[in-house]
mmCIF file of all heavy atoms, coordinates in Angstrom:
data_MODEL
# 
_entry.id   MODEL 
# 
loop_
_atom_site.group_PDB 
_atom_site.id 
_atom_site.type_symbol 
_atom_site.label_atom_id 
_atom_site.label_alt_id 
_atom_site.label_comp_id 
_atom_site.label_asym_id 
_atom_site.label_entity_id 
_atom_site.label_seq_id 
_atom_site.pdbx_PDB_ins_code 
_atom_site.Cartn_x 
_atom_site.Cartn_y 
_atom_site.Cartn_z 
_atom_site.occupancy 
_atom_site.B_iso_or_equiv 
_atom_site.pdbx_formal_charge 
_atom_site.auth_seq_id 
_atom_site.auth_comp_id 
_atom_site.auth_asym_id 
_atom_site.auth_atom_id 
_atom_site.pdbx_PDB_model_num 
ATOM 1   N N   . GLN A 1 1  ? 22.612 26.017 0.438   1.00 0.00 ? 1  GLN A N   1 
ATOM 2   C CA  . GLN A 1 1  ? 21.500 26.850 0.900   1.00 0.00 ? 1  GLN A CA  1 
ATOM 3   C C   . GLN A 1 1  ? 22.007 28.209 1.381   1.00 0.00 ? 1  GLN A C   1 
ATOM 4   O O   . GLN A 1 1  ? 22.992 28.301 2.100   1.00 0.00 ? 1  GLN A O   1 
ATOM 5   C CB  . GLN A 1 1  ? 20.728 26.145 2.013   1.00 0.00 ? 1  GLN A CB  1 
ATOM 6   C CG  . GLN A 1 1  ? 19.891 24.987 1.498   1.00 0.00 ? 1  GLN A CG  1 
ATOM 7   C CD  . GLN A 1 1  ? 18.916 24.462 2.526   1.00 0.00 ? 1  GLN A CD  1 
ATOM 8   O OE1 . GLN A 1 1  ? 18.344 25.215 3.295   1.00 0.00 ? 1  GLN A OE1 1 
ATOM 9   N NE2 . GLN A 1 1  ? 18.716 23.153 2.546   1.00 0.00 ? 1  GLN A NE2 1 
ATOM 10  N N   . GLY A 1 2  ? 21.323 29.246 0.953   1.00 0.00 ? 2  GLY A N   1 
ATOM 11  C CA  . GLY A 1 2  ? 21.733 30.599 1.312   1.00 0.00 ? 2  GLY A CA  1 
ATOM 12  C C   . GLY A 1 2  ? 22.590 31.268 0.261   1.00 0.00 ? 2  GLY A C   1 
ATOM 13  O O   . GLY A 1 2  ? 22.787 32.490 0.306   1.00 0.00 ? 2  GLY A O   1 
ATOM 14  N N   . THR A 1 3  ? 23.094 30.480 -0.705  1.00 0.00 ? 3  THR A N   1 
ATOM 15  C CA  . THR A 1 3  ? 23.884 31.070 -1.790  1.00 0.00 ? 3  THR A CA  1 
ATOM 16  C C   . THR A 1 3  ? 22.978 31.950 -2.650  1.00 0.00 ? 3  THR A C   1 
ATOM 17  O O   . THR A 1 3  ? 21.892 31.519 -3.037  1.00 0.00 ? 3  THR A O   1 
ATOM 18  C CB  . THR A 1 3  ? 24.506 29.968 -2.676  1.00 0.00 ? 3  THR A CB  1 
ATOM 19  O OG1 . THR A 1 3  ? 25.353 29.144 -1.868  1.00 0.00 ? 3  THR A OG1 1 
ATOM 20  C CG2 . THR A 1 3  ? 25.324 30.572 -3.805  1.00 0.00 ? 3  THR A CG2 1 
ATOM 21  N N   . PRO A 1 4  ? 23.376 33.171 -2.946  1.00 0.00 ? 4  PRO A N   1 
ATOM 22  C CA  . PRO A 1 4  ? 22.511 34.064 -3.735  1.00 0.00 ? 4  PRO A CA  1 
ATOM 23  C C   . PRO A 1 4  ? 22.370 33.602 -5.176  1.00 0.00 ? 4  PRO A C   1 
ATOM 24  O O   . PRO A 1 4  ? 23.223 32.877 -5.701  1.00 0.00 ? 4  PRO A O   1 
ATOM 25  C CB  . PRO A 1 4  ? 23.236 35.413 -3.652  1.00 0.00 ? 4  PRO A CB  1 
ATOM 26  C CG  . PRO A 1 4  ? 24.664 35.063 -3.407  1.00 0.00 ? 4  PRO A CG  1 
ATOM 27  C CD  . PRO A 1 4  ? 24.643 33.832 -2.537  1.00 0.00 ? 4  PRO A CD  1 
ATOM 28  N N   . TYR A 1 5  ? 21.284 34.032 -5.811  1.00 0.00 ? 5  TYR A N   1 
ATOM 29  C CA  . TYR A 1 5  ? 21.058 33.700 -7.213  1.00 0.00 ? 5  TYR A CA  1 
ATOM 30  C C   . TYR A 1 5  ? 21.932 34.578 -8.095  1.00 0.00 ? 5  TYR A C   1 
ATOM 31  O O   . TYR A 1 5  ? 22.089 35.779 -7.861  1.00 0.00 ? 5  TYR A O   1 
ATOM 32  C CB  . TYR A 1 5  ? 19.593 33.925 -7.591  1.00 0.00 ? 5  TYR A CB  1 
ATOM 33  C CG  . TYR A 1 5  ? 19.309 33.598 -9.044  1.00 0.00 ? 5  TYR A CG  1 
ATOM 34  C CD1 . TYR A 1 5  ? 18.955 32.313 -9.427  1.00 0.00 ? 5  TYR A CD1 1 
ATOM 35  C CD2 . TYR A 1 5  ? 19.408 34.582 -10.025 1.00 0.00 ? 5  TYR A CD2 1 
ATOM 36  C CE1 . TYR A 1 5  ? 18.710 32.007 -10.755 1.00 0.00 ? 5  TYR A CE1 1 
ATOM 37  C CE2 . TYR A 1 5  ? 19.169 34.289 -11.357 1.00 0.00 ? 5  TYR A CE2 1 
ATOM 38  C CZ  . TYR A 1 5  ? 18.823 32.998 -11.717 1.00 0.00 ? 5  TYR A CZ  1 
ATOM 39  O OH  . TYR A 1 5  ? 18.583 32.696 -13.037 1.00 0.00 ? 5  TYR A OH  1 
ATOM 40  N N   . LEU A 1 6  ? 22.522 33.963 -9.119  1.00 0.00 ? 6  LEU A N   1 
ATOM 41  C CA  . LEU A 1 6  ? 23.304 34.698 -10.106 1.00 0.00 ? 6  LEU A CA  1 
ATOM 42  C C   . LEU A 1 6  ? 23.129 34.011 -11.446 1.00 0.00 ? 6  LEU A C   1 
ATOM 43  O O   . LEU A 1 6  ? 23.471 32.830 -11.592 1.00 0.00 ? 6  LEU A O   1 
ATOM 44  C CB  . LEU A 1 6  ? 24.782 34.735 -9.715  1.00 0.00 ? 6  LEU A CB  1 
ATOM 45  C CG  . LEU A 1 6  ? 25.724 35.404 -10.726 1.00 0.00 ? 6  LEU A CG  1 
ATOM 46  C CD1 . LEU A 1 6  ? 25.392 36.886 -10.868 1.00 0.00 ? 6  LEU A CD1 1 
ATOM 47  C CD2 . LEU A 1 6  ? 27.179 35.212 -10.307 1.00 0.00 ? 6  LEU A CD2 1 
ATOM 48  N N   . PHE A 1 7  ? 22.551 34.709 -12.408 1.00 0.00 ? 7  PHE A N   1 
ATOM 49  C CA  . PHE A 1 7  ? 22.346 34.120 -13.732 1.00 0.00 ? 7  PHE A CA  1 
ATOM 50  C C   . PHE A 1 7  ? 23.678 33.671 -14.316 1.00 0.00 ? 7  PHE A C   1 
ATOM 51  O O   . PHE A 1 7  ? 24.634 34.450 -14.398 1.00 0.00 ? 7  PHE A O   1 
ATOM 52  C CB  . PHE A 1 7  ? 21.682 35.134 -14.664 1.00 0.00 ? 7  PHE A CB  1 
ATOM 53  C CG  . PHE A 1 7  ? 21.423 34.582 -16.042 1.00 0.00 ? 7  PHE A CG  1 
ATOM 54  C CD1 . PHE A 1 7  ? 20.382 33.696 -16.261 1.00 0.00 ? 7  PHE A CD1 1 
ATOM 55  C CD2 . PHE A 1 7  ? 22.241 34.934 -17.102 1.00 0.00 ? 7  PHE A CD2 1 
ATOM 56  C CE1 . PHE A 1 7  ? 20.149 33.172 -17.524 1.00 0.00 ? 7  PHE A CE1 1 
ATOM 57  C CE2 . PHE A 1 7  ? 22.015 34.426 -18.374 1.00 0.00 ? 7  PHE A CE2 1 
ATOM 58  C CZ  . PHE A 1 7  ? 20.969 33.541 -18.581 1.00 0.00 ? 7  PHE A CZ  1 
ATOM 59  N N   . GLY A 1 8  ? 23.761 32.400 -14.683 1.00 0.00 ? 8  GLY A N   1 
ATOM 60  C CA  . GLY A 1 8  ? 24.997 31.852 -15.225 1.00 0.00 ? 8  GLY A CA  1 
ATOM 61  C C   . GLY A 1 8  ? 26.000 31.450 -14.157 1.00 0.00 ? 8  GLY A C   1 
ATOM 62  O O   . GLY A 1 8  ? 27.078 30.929 -14.472 1.00 0.00 ? 8  GLY A O   1 
ATOM 63  N N   . GLY A 1 9  ? 25.654 31.670 -12.875 1.00 0.00 ? 9  GLY A N   1 
ATOM 64  C CA  . GLY A 1 9  ? 26.581 31.388 -11.781 1.00 0.00 ? 9  GLY A CA  1 
ATOM 65  C C   . GLY A 1 9  ? 26.780 29.901 -11.532 1.00 0.00 ? 9  GLY A C   1 
ATOM 66  O O   . GLY A 1 9  ? 25.829 29.116 -11.598 1.00 0.00 ? 9  GLY A O   1 
ATOM 67  N N   . THR A 1 10 ? 28.005 29.532 -11.222 1.00 0.00 ? 10 THR A N   1 
ATOM 68  C CA  . THR A 1 10 ? 28.319 28.127 -10.951 1.00 0.00 ? 10 THR A CA  1 
ATOM 69  C C   . THR A 1 10 ? 29.254 27.972 -9.752  1.00 0.00 ? 10 THR A C   1 
ATOM 70  O O   . THR A 1 10 ? 29.980 26.978 -9.645  1.00 0.00 ? 10 THR A O   1 
ATOM 71  C CB  . THR A 1 10 ? 28.981 27.467 -12.191 1.00 0.00 ? 10 THR A CB  1 
ATOM 72  O OG1 . THR A 1 10 ? 30.156 28.212 -12.554 1.00 0.00 ? 10 THR A OG1 1 
ATOM 73  C CG2 . THR A 1 10 ? 28.027 27.415 -13.365 1.00 0.00 ? 10 THR A CG2 1 
ATOM 74  N N   . THR A 1 11 ? 29.262 28.943 -8.842  1.00 0.00 ? 11 THR A N   1 
ATOM 75  C CA  . THR A 1 11 ? 30.112 28.869 -7.657  1.00 0.00 ? 11 THR A CA  1 
ATOM 76  C C   . THR A 1 11 ? 29.305 29.266 -6.430  1.00 0.00 ? 11 THR A C   1 
ATOM 77  O O   . THR A 1 11 ? 28.161 29.691 -6.538  1.00 0.00 ? 11 THR A O   1 
ATOM 78  C CB  . THR A 1 11 ? 31.331 29.817 -7.778  1.00 0.00 ? 11 THR A CB  1 
ATOM 79  O OG1 . THR A 1 11 ? 30.881 31.175 -7.642  1.00 0.00 ? 11 THR A OG1 1 
ATOM 80  C CG2 . THR A 1 11 ? 32.040 29.643 -9.107  1.00 0.00 ? 11 THR A CG2 1 
ATOM 81  N N   . ARG A 1 12 ? 29.932 29.163 -5.262  1.00 0.00 ? 12 ARG A N   1 
ATOM 82  C CA  . ARG A 1 12 ? 29.256 29.545 -4.015  1.00 0.00 ? 12 ARG A CA  1 
ATOM 83  C C   . ARG A 1 12 ? 29.061 31.052 -3.903  1.00 0.00 ? 12 ARG A C   1 
ATOM 84  O O   . ARG A 1 12 ? 28.363 31.521 -3.004  1.00 0.00 ? 12 ARG A O   1 
ATOM 85  C CB  . ARG A 1 12 ? 30.037 29.013 -2.802  1.00 0.00 ? 12 ARG A CB  1 
ATOM 86  C CG  . ARG A 1 12 ? 29.969 27.493 -2.695  1.00 0.00 ? 12 ARG A CG  1 
ATOM 87  C CD  . ARG A 1 12 ? 30.564 26.976 -1.412  1.00 0.00 ? 12 ARG A CD  1 
ATOM 88  N NE  . ARG A 1 12 ? 30.506 25.521 -1.369  1.00 0.00 ? 12 ARG A NE  1 
ATOM 89  C CZ  . ARG A 1 12 ? 29.462 24.817 -0.944  1.00 0.00 ? 12 ARG A CZ  1 
ATOM 90  N NH1 . ARG A 1 12 ? 28.398 25.460 -0.501  1.00 0.00 ? 12 ARG A NH1 1 
ATOM 91  N NH2 . ARG A 1 12 ? 29.483 23.505 -0.947  1.00 0.00 ? 12 ARG A NH2 1 
ATOM 92  N N   . LEU A 1 13 ? 29.641 31.803 -4.803  1.00 0.00 ? 13 LEU A N   1 
ATOM 93  C CA  . LEU A 1 13 ? 29.413 33.244 -4.826  1.00 0.00 ? 13 LEU A CA  1 
ATOM 94  C C   . LEU A 1 13 ? 28.057 33.559 -5.460  1.00 0.00 ? 13 LEU A C   1 
ATOM 95  O O   . LEU A 1 13 ? 27.479 34.618 -5.213  1.00 0.00 ? 13 LEU A O   1 
ATOM 96  C CB  . LEU A 1 13 ? 30.517 33.950 -5.607  1.00 0.00 ? 13 LEU A CB  1 
ATOM 97  C CG  . LEU A 1 13 ? 31.921 33.861 -5.002  1.00 0.00 ? 13 LEU A CG  1 
ATOM 98  C CD1 . LEU A 1 13 ? 32.926 34.561 -5.912  1.00 0.00 ? 13 LEU A CD1 1 
ATOM 99  C CD2 . LEU A 1 13 ? 31.934 34.485 -3.613  1.00 0.00 ? 13 LEU A CD2 1 
ATOM 100 N N   . GLY A 1 14 ? 27.541 32.629 -6.253  1.00 0.00 ? 14 GLY A N   1 
ATOM 101 C CA  . GLY A 1 14 ? 26.259 32.824 -6.911  1.00 0.00 ? 14 GLY A CA  1 
ATOM 102 C C   . GLY A 1 14 ? 25.939 31.676 -7.841  1.00 0.00 ? 14 GLY A C   1 
ATOM 103 O O   . GLY A 1 14 ? 26.845 31.153 -8.511  1.00 0.00 ? 14 GLY A O   1 
ATOM 104 N N   . LEU A 1 15 ? 24.663 31.261 -7.862  1.00 0.00 ? 15 LEU A N   1 
ATOM 105 C CA  . LEU A 1 15 ? 24.243 30.125 -8.675  1.00 0.00 ? 15 LEU A CA  1 
ATOM 106 C C   . LEU A 1 15 ? 22.921 30.425 -9.368  1.00 0.00 ? 15 LEU A C   1 
ATOM 107 O O   . LEU A 1 15 ? 22.081 31.151 -8.834  1.00 0.00 ? 15 LEU A O   1 
ATOM 108 C CB  . LEU A 1 15 ? 24.034 28.888 -7.790  1.00 0.00 ? 15 LEU A CB  1 
ATOM 109 C CG  . LEU A 1 15 ? 25.251 28.214 -7.161  1.00 0.00 ? 15 LEU A CG  1 
ATOM 110 C CD1 . LEU A 1 15 ? 24.793 27.236 -6.089  1.00 0.00 ? 15 LEU A CD1 1 
ATOM 111 C CD2 . LEU A 1 15 ? 26.045 27.485 -8.231  1.00 0.00 ? 15 LEU A CD2 1 
ATOM 112 N N   . ASP A 1 16 ? 22.742 29.841 -10.550 1.00 0.00 ? 16 ASP A N   1 
ATOM 113 C CA  . ASP A 1 16 ? 21.398 29.820 -11.113 1.00 0.00 ? 16 ASP A CA  1 
ATOM 114 C C   . ASP A 1 16 ? 20.832 28.416 -10.893 1.00 0.00 ? 16 ASP A C   1 
ATOM 115 O O   . ASP A 1 16 ? 21.510 27.534 -10.349 1.00 0.00 ? 16 ASP A O   1 
ATOM 116 C CB  . ASP A 1 16 ? 21.377 30.250 -12.584 1.00 0.00 ? 16 ASP A CB  1 
ATOM 117 C CG  . ASP A 1 16 ? 22.192 29.351 -13.506 1.00 0.00 ? 16 ASP A CG  1 
ATOM 118 O OD1 . ASP A 1 16 ? 22.529 28.215 -13.105 1.00 0.00 ? 16 ASP A OD1 1 
ATOM 119 O OD2 . ASP A 1 16 ? 22.483 29.773 -14.640 1.00 0.00 ? 16 ASP A OD2 1 
ATOM 120 N N   . CYS A 1 17 ? 19.574 28.205 -11.296 1.00 0.00 ? 17 CYS A N   1 
ATOM 121 C CA  . CYS A 1 17 ? 18.884 26.956 -10.941 1.00 0.00 ? 17 CYS A CA  1 
ATOM 122 C C   . CYS A 1 17 ? 19.546 25.716 -11.533 1.00 0.00 ? 17 CYS A C   1 
ATOM 123 O O   . CYS A 1 17 ? 19.766 24.719 -10.833 1.00 0.00 ? 17 CYS A O   1 
ATOM 124 C CB  . CYS A 1 17 ? 17.414 27.034 -11.344 1.00 0.00 ? 17 CYS A CB  1 
ATOM 125 S SG  . CYS A 1 17 ? 17.128 27.333 -13.105 1.00 0.00 ? 17 CYS A SG  1 
ATOM 126 N N   . SER A 1 18 ? 19.888 25.768 -12.812 1.00 0.00 ? 18 SER A N   1 
ATOM 127 C CA  . SER A 1 18 ? 20.504 24.594 -13.442 1.00 0.00 ? 18 SER A CA  1 
ATOM 128 C C   . SER A 1 18 ? 21.947 24.418 -12.985 1.00 0.00 ? 18 SER A C   1 
ATOM 129 O O   . SER A 1 18 ? 22.461 23.292 -12.909 1.00 0.00 ? 18 SER A O   1 
ATOM 130 C CB  . SER A 1 18 ? 20.430 24.700 -14.968 1.00 0.00 ? 18 SER A CB  1 
ATOM 131 O OG  . SER A 1 18 ? 21.014 25.908 -15.418 1.00 0.00 ? 18 SER A OG  1 
ATOM 132 N N   . GLY A 1 19 ? 22.606 25.539 -12.672 1.00 0.00 ? 19 GLY A N   1 
ATOM 133 C CA  . GLY A 1 19 ? 23.974 25.456 -12.158 1.00 0.00 ? 19 GLY A CA  1 
ATOM 134 C C   . GLY A 1 19 ? 24.030 24.750 -10.816 1.00 0.00 ? 19 GLY A C   1 
ATOM 135 O O   . GLY A 1 19 ? 24.957 23.984 -10.537 1.00 0.00 ? 19 GLY A O   1 
ATOM 136 N N   . LEU A 1 20 ? 23.034 24.992 -9.956  1.00 0.00 ? 20 LEU A N   1 
ATOM 137 C CA  . LEU A 1 20 ? 22.967 24.319 -8.661  1.00 0.00 ? 20 LEU A CA  1 
ATOM 138 C C   . LEU A 1 20 ? 22.910 22.813 -8.849  1.00 0.00 ? 20 LEU A C   1 
ATOM 139 O O   . LEU A 1 20 ? 23.632 22.062 -8.176  1.00 0.00 ? 20 LEU A O   1 
ATOM 140 C CB  . LEU A 1 20 ? 21.736 24.789 -7.883  1.00 0.00 ? 20 LEU A CB  1 
ATOM 141 C CG  . LEU A 1 20 ? 21.378 23.975 -6.640  1.00 0.00 ? 20 LEU A CG  1 
ATOM 142 C CD1 . LEU A 1 20 ? 22.457 24.112 -5.569  1.00 0.00 ? 20 LEU A CD1 1 
ATOM 143 C CD2 . LEU A 1 20 ? 20.015 24.397 -6.093  1.00 0.00 ? 20 LEU A CD2 1 
ATOM 144 N N   . LEU A 1 21 ? 22.076 22.353 -9.772  1.00 0.00 ? 21 LEU A N   1 
ATOM 145 C CA  . LEU A 1 21 ? 21.949 20.910 -9.974  1.00 0.00 ? 21 LEU A CA  1 
ATOM 146 C C   . LEU A 1 21 ? 23.195 20.321 -10.620 1.00 0.00 ? 21 LEU A C   1 
ATOM 147 O O   . LEU A 1 21 ? 23.629 19.222 -10.243 1.00 0.00 ? 21 LEU A O   1 
ATOM 148 C CB  . LEU A 1 21 ? 20.714 20.609 -10.832 1.00 0.00 ? 21 LEU A CB  1 
ATOM 149 C CG  . LEU A 1 21 ? 19.378 21.021 -10.224 1.00 0.00 ? 21 LEU A CG  1 
ATOM 150 C CD1 . LEU A 1 21 ? 18.231 20.432 -11.028 1.00 0.00 ? 21 LEU A CD1 1 
ATOM 151 C CD2 . LEU A 1 21 ? 19.266 20.576 -8.776  1.00 0.00 ? 21 LEU A CD2 1 
ATOM 152 N N   . GLN A 1 22 ? 23.779 21.028 -11.568 1.00 0.00 ? 22 GLN A N   1 
ATOM 153 C CA  . GLN A 1 22 ? 24.988 20.520 -12.204 1.00 0.00 ? 22 GLN A CA  1 
ATOM 154 C C   . GLN A 1 22 ? 26.115 20.359 -11.182 1.00 0.00 ? 22 GLN A C   1 
ATOM 155 O O   . GLN A 1 22 ? 26.821 19.330 -11.174 1.00 0.00 ? 22 GLN A O   1 
ATOM 156 C CB  . GLN A 1 22 ? 25.432 21.445 -13.329 1.00 0.00 ? 22 GLN A CB  1 
ATOM 157 C CG  . GLN A 1 22 ? 26.593 20.867 -14.141 1.00 0.00 ? 22 GLN A CG  1 
ATOM 158 C CD  . GLN A 1 22 ? 27.044 21.807 -15.237 1.00 0.00 ? 22 GLN A CD  1 
ATOM 159 O OE1 . GLN A 1 22 ? 27.317 22.984 -14.978 1.00 0.00 ? 22 GLN A OE1 1 
ATOM 160 N NE2 . GLN A 1 22 ? 27.134 21.306 -16.463 1.00 0.00 ? 22 GLN A NE2 1 
ATOM 161 N N   . LEU A 1 23 ? 26.277 21.342 -10.299 1.00 0.00 ? 23 LEU A N   1 
ATOM 162 C CA  . LEU A 1 23 ? 27.310 21.250 -9.271  1.00 0.00 ? 23 LEU A CA  1 
ATOM 163 C C   . LEU A 1 23 ? 27.020 20.135 -8.273  1.00 0.00 ? 23 LEU A C   1 
ATOM 164 O O   . LEU A 1 23 ? 27.917 19.383 -7.879  1.00 0.00 ? 23 LEU A O   1 
ATOM 165 C CB  . LEU A 1 23 ? 27.421 22.582 -8.520  1.00 0.00 ? 23 LEU A CB  1 
ATOM 166 C CG  . LEU A 1 23 ? 28.182 23.716 -9.214  1.00 0.00 ? 23 LEU A CG  1 
ATOM 167 C CD1 . LEU A 1 23 ? 28.170 24.952 -8.329  1.00 0.00 ? 23 LEU A CD1 1 
ATOM 168 C CD2 . LEU A 1 23 ? 29.602 23.302 -9.536  1.00 0.00 ? 23 LEU A CD2 1 
ATOM 169 N N   . SER A 1 24 ? 25.754 20.016 -7.858  1.00 0.00 ? 24 SER A N   1 
ATOM 170 C CA  . SER A 1 24 ? 25.385 19.025 -6.845  1.00 0.00 ? 24 SER A CA  1 
ATOM 171 C C   . SER A 1 24 ? 25.576 17.603 -7.364  1.00 0.00 ? 24 SER A C   1 
ATOM 172 O O   . SER A 1 24 ? 26.117 16.735 -6.654  1.00 0.00 ? 24 SER A O   1 
ATOM 173 C CB  . SER A 1 24 ? 23.931 19.232 -6.418  1.00 0.00 ? 24 SER A CB  1 
ATOM 174 O OG  . SER A 1 24 ? 23.761 20.531 -5.884  1.00 0.00 ? 24 SER A OG  1 
ATOM 175 N N   . PHE A 1 25 ? 25.145 17.353 -8.593  1.00 0.00 ? 25 PHE A N   1 
ATOM 176 C CA  . PHE A 1 25 ? 25.367 16.030 -9.187  1.00 0.00 ? 25 PHE A CA  1 
ATOM 177 C C   . PHE A 1 25 ? 26.858 15.799 -9.417  1.00 0.00 ? 25 PHE A C   1 
ATOM 178 O O   . PHE A 1 25 ? 27.363 14.693 -9.218  1.00 0.00 ? 25 PHE A O   1 
ATOM 179 C CB  . PHE A 1 25 ? 24.597 15.891 -10.503 1.00 0.00 ? 25 PHE A CB  1 
ATOM 180 C CG  . PHE A 1 25 ? 23.169 15.461 -10.329 1.00 0.00 ? 25 PHE A CG  1 
ATOM 181 C CD1 . PHE A 1 25 ? 22.159 16.404 -10.245 1.00 0.00 ? 25 PHE A CD1 1 
ATOM 182 C CD2 . PHE A 1 25 ? 22.837 14.107 -10.245 1.00 0.00 ? 25 PHE A CD2 1 
ATOM 183 C CE1 . PHE A 1 25 ? 20.832 16.017 -10.089 1.00 0.00 ? 25 PHE A CE1 1 
ATOM 184 C CE2 . PHE A 1 25 ? 21.512 13.709 -10.079 1.00 0.00 ? 25 PHE A CE2 1 
ATOM 185 C CZ  . PHE A 1 25 ? 20.505 14.665 -9.999  1.00 0.00 ? 25 PHE A CZ  1 
ATOM 186 N N   . GLY A 1 26 ? 27.568 16.866 -9.833  1.00 0.00 ? 26 GLY A N   1 
ATOM 187 C CA  . GLY A 1 26 ? 28.999 16.733 -10.076 1.00 0.00 ? 26 GLY A CA  1 
ATOM 188 C C   . GLY A 1 26 ? 29.765 16.336 -8.831  1.00 0.00 ? 26 GLY A C   1 
ATOM 189 O O   . GLY A 1 26 ? 30.707 15.529 -8.892  1.00 0.00 ? 26 GLY A O   1 
ATOM 190 N N   . GLU A 1 27 ? 29.369 16.879 -7.666  1.00 0.00 ? 27 GLU A N   1 
ATOM 191 C CA  . GLU A 1 27 ? 30.042 16.519 -6.415  1.00 0.00 ? 27 GLU A CA  1 
ATOM 192 C C   . GLU A 1 27 ? 29.818 15.052 -6.048  1.00 0.00 ? 27 GLU A C   1 
ATOM 193 O O   . GLU A 1 27 ? 30.580 14.485 -5.278  1.00 0.00 ? 27 GLU A O   1 
ATOM 194 C CB  . GLU A 1 27 ? 29.558 17.432 -5.288  1.00 0.00 ? 27 GLU A CB  1 
ATOM 195 C CG  . GLU A 1 27 ? 30.055 18.867 -5.423  1.00 0.00 ? 27 GLU A CG  1 
ATOM 196 C CD  . GLU A 1 27 ? 29.693 19.731 -4.225  1.00 0.00 ? 27 GLU A CD  1 
ATOM 197 O OE1 . GLU A 1 27 ? 29.409 19.166 -3.155  1.00 0.00 ? 27 GLU A OE1 1 
ATOM 198 O OE2 . GLU A 1 27 ? 29.690 20.967 -4.379  1.00 0.00 ? 27 GLU A OE2 1 
ATOM 199 N N   . ALA A 1 28 ? 28.748 14.457 -6.607  1.00 0.00 ? 28 ALA A N   1 
ATOM 200 C CA  . ALA A 1 28 ? 28.480 13.034 -6.373  1.00 0.00 ? 28 ALA A CA  1 
ATOM 201 C C   . ALA A 1 28 ? 29.040 12.171 -7.501  1.00 0.00 ? 28 ALA A C   1 
ATOM 202 O O   . ALA A 1 28 ? 28.765 10.971 -7.564  1.00 0.00 ? 28 ALA A O   1 
ATOM 203 C CB  . ALA A 1 28 ? 26.974 12.811 -6.246  1.00 0.00 ? 28 ALA A CB  1 
ATOM 204 N N   . GLY A 1 29 ? 29.807 12.796 -8.396  1.00 0.00 ? 29 GLY A N   1 
ATOM 205 C CA  . GLY A 1 29 ? 30.447 12.050 -9.474  1.00 0.00 ? 29 GLY A CA  1 
ATOM 206 C C   . GLY A 1 29 ? 29.580 11.803 -10.686 1.00 0.00 ? 29 GLY A C   1 
ATOM 207 O O   . GLY A 1 29 ? 29.874 10.931 -11.502 1.00 0.00 ? 29 GLY A O   1 
# 
């Protein structure tokens, strides 16, 4: 929460909507 939006982003520097879910599920294996 609070991470800025970035098209194509997949890090805490910036995320897009699908990237957020891919990272979140990935952290849960």
